[in-house]
Amino acid sequence: MAAINIAPDRKSPMRPVDEVRAEAGKGLVGDRYHGARNRQVTVQSRDGLDAAAGELGYSFDPSATRRNITVDGGKIPTEPGVRLRIGEVDLEVAREATPCRVMETSVGPGAETALRGRAGSGFRVLTSGTIRVGDEVTLI
């Protein structure tokens, strides 16, 4: 896994961390989605971001998408119910994360379109534990 970012509320900038505590049924401690019903943690793939950057003609920091976790590669599952394990934490897809107009400001012009189908997914946290940069990501 490549990066972890959290923000205490929706207006605060994302802050990179080396590790974060995940609480089952609640989300990432210290993040704006902690306590949400479904979208407790968001996960995206560096491959999707690189493809979007290629279309856009410029690179951008993964935190600009405001997703919590960026994995090194591969495609993030979008089908509800599919499960991932990141380190010691099990996650379940709640829904695909769709890019919005905010991406036009946070990432740059054309980002909303370039990130369609590449914006990752929103997950529910099934097991408590710590997620660390460098943890293995596996499909359960």
Protein backbone atom coordinates (compact mmCIF):
# COMPACT_ATOMS: atom_id res chain seq x y z
CA MET A 1 0.00 0.00 0.00
CA ALA A 2 1.36 3.41 -1.01
CA ALA A 3 -0.36 6.13 1.05
CA ILE A 4 -2.84 6.90 3.84
CA ASN A 5 -4.55 10.29 4.12
CA ILE A 6 -7.12 11.53 6.62
CA ALA A 7 -8.95 14.80 7.27
CA PRO A 8 -10.91 15.67 10.43
CA ASP A 9 -13.74 17.30 8.44
CA ARG A 10 -14.77 17.82 4.83
CA LYS A 11 -13.20 21.27 4.55
CA SER A 12 -9.82 20.37 6.07
CA PRO A 13 -6.91 19.40 3.83
CA MET A 14 -5.95 15.75 3.70
CA ARG A 15 -3.02 14.89 5.96
CA PRO A 16 -0.67 12.00 5.18
CA VAL A 17 -0.05 9.52 8.00
CA ASP A 18 2.13 6.41 8.22
CA GLU A 19 -0.55 4.45 10.05
CA VAL A 20 -4.14 4.79 11.20
CA ARG A 21 -6.41 2.86 13.56
CA ALA A 22 -9.51 1.38 11.92
CA GLU A 23 -12.55 0.66 14.09
CA ALA A 24 -15.04 -1.98 12.96
CA GLY A 25 -18.35 -0.43 11.97
CA LYS A 26 -16.99 3.10 12.36
CA GLY A 27 -14.03 3.86 10.08
CA LEU A 28 -10.63 5.47 10.47
CA VAL A 29 -9.97 7.23 13.77
CA GLY A 30 -9.47 10.95 13.15
CA ASP A 31 -11.09 10.97 9.70
CA ARG A 32 -14.22 12.82 8.64
CA TYR A 33 -16.00 9.57 7.71
CA HIS A 34 -15.45 7.98 11.15
CA GLY A 35 -18.92 6.99 12.35
CA ALA A 36 -20.50 6.99 8.87
CA ARG A 37 -22.82 4.12 8.06
CA ASN A 38 -21.37 2.99 4.73
CA ARG A 39 -18.55 5.13 3.40
CA GLN A 40 -16.16 4.62 6.31
CA VAL A 41 -12.95 4.49 4.29
CA THR A 42 -12.19 5.22 0.64
CA VAL A 43 -9.61 3.30 -1.39
CA GLN A 44 -8.13 4.11 -4.80
CA SER A 45 -5.41 2.63 -7.01
CA ARG A 46 -2.23 4.38 -8.14
CA ASP A 47 -2.72 2.71 -11.56
CA GLY A 48 -6.06 4.49 -12.02
CA LEU A 49 -4.57 7.81 -10.95
CA ASP A 50 -1.65 7.40 -13.35
CA ALA A 51 -4.05 6.63 -16.22
CA ALA A 52 -6.10 9.74 -15.37
CA ALA A 53 -2.93 11.84 -15.19
CA GLY A 54 -1.95 10.56 -18.63
CA GLU A 55 -5.30 11.70 -20.04
CA LEU A 56 -5.06 15.04 -18.26
CA GLY A 57 -1.49 15.71 -19.34
CA TYR A 58 -0.35 16.54 -15.80
CA SER A 59 0.42 14.65 -12.62
CA PHE A 60 -1.22 15.25 -9.25
CA ASP A 61 -0.80 14.14 -5.66
CA PRO A 62 -3.07 11.19 -4.72
CA SER A 63 -4.37 13.15 -1.71
CA ALA A 64 -5.98 15.64 -4.13
CA THR A 65 -8.77 13.10 -4.78
CA ARG A 66 -9.56 13.13 -1.03
CA ARG A 67 -9.47 9.32 -0.83
CA ASN A 68 -8.08 7.75 2.35
CA ILE A 69 -5.97 4.92 1.01
CA THR A 70 -3.98 4.66 -2.20
CA VAL A 71 -2.77 1.18 -3.12
CA ASP A 72 0.28 0.64 -5.32
CA GLY A 73 -1.49 -1.00 -8.25
CA GLY A 74 -4.35 -3.05 -9.55
CA LYS A 75 -8.03 -2.30 -9.87
CA ILE A 76 -10.13 -1.50 -6.83
CA PRO A 77 -13.30 -3.64 -6.65
CA THR A 78 -16.54 -1.68 -7.01
CA GLU A 79 -19.15 -4.41 -6.54
CA PRO A 80 -20.89 -4.15 -3.15
CA GLY A 81 -19.99 -6.98 -0.81
CA VAL A 82 -16.52 -7.67 -2.23
CA ARG A 83 -13.93 -7.77 0.54
CA LEU A 84 -10.32 -6.62 0.83
CA ARG A 85 -7.79 -7.09 3.59
CA ILE A 86 -5.26 -4.32 4.15
CA GLY A 87 -2.75 -5.42 6.75
CA GLU A 88 -4.86 -6.71 9.65
CA VAL A 89 -8.10 -4.93 8.66
CA ASP A 90 -10.94 -6.40 6.60
CA LEU A 91 -13.00 -4.02 4.45
CA GLU A 92 -16.17 -4.55 2.40
CA VAL A 93 -17.19 -2.53 -0.66
CA ALA A 94 -20.25 -0.40 0.09
CA ARG A 95 -20.27 1.43 -3.26
CA GLU A 96 -18.14 2.79 -6.05
CA ALA A 97 -16.72 6.23 -5.31
CA THR A 98 -17.61 8.62 -8.09
CA PRO A 99 -15.64 11.75 -8.88
CA CYS A 100 -17.44 15.07 -8.45
CA ARG A 101 -16.98 18.71 -9.38
CA VAL A 102 -14.74 19.22 -6.37
CA MET A 103 -12.10 17.25 -8.33
CA GLU A 104 -11.97 20.12 -10.83
CA THR A 105 -10.56 22.31 -8.05
CA SER A 106 -8.62 19.83 -5.92
CA VAL A 107 -7.00 17.89 -8.80
CA GLY A 108 -7.39 20.25 -11.76
CA PRO A 109 -9.36 20.92 -14.95
CA GLY A 110 -10.82 17.79 -16.55
CA ALA A 111 -10.31 15.61 -13.46
CA GLU A 112 -13.97 14.77 -12.92
CA THR A 113 -14.14 13.16 -16.37
CA ALA A 114 -10.65 11.59 -16.30
CA LEU A 115 -11.32 9.92 -12.93
CA ARG A 116 -14.64 8.28 -13.92
CA GLY A 117 -14.26 4.55 -13.32
CA ARG A 118 -10.92 5.21 -11.58
CA ALA A 119 -12.01 6.96 -8.37
CA GLY A 120 -11.98 3.80 -6.23
CA SER A 121 -14.64 2.64 -3.79
CA GLY A 122 -16.14 3.45 -0.42
CA PHE A 123 -15.75 0.61 2.08
CA ARG A 124 -17.19 -0.42 5.44
CA VAL A 125 -14.67 -1.48 8.09
CA LEU A 126 -15.38 -5.07 9.21
CA THR A 127 -12.51 -5.67 11.65
CA SER A 128 -10.61 -3.32 13.90
CA GLY A 129 -6.86 -2.96 13.61
CA THR A 130 -4.06 -0.74 12.38
CA ILE A 131 -3.44 0.01 8.70
CA ARG A 132 0.13 0.98 7.83
CA VAL A 133 1.81 2.32 4.71
CA GLY A 134 3.44 -0.72 3.11
CA ASP A 135 0.79 -3.21 4.29
CA GLU A 136 -0.16 -5.99 1.91
CA VAL A 137 -3.52 -5.62 0.13
CA THR A 138 -5.39 -8.84 -0.71
CA LEU A 139 -8.77 -9.72 -2.12
CA ILE A 140 -10.61 -11.96 0.35
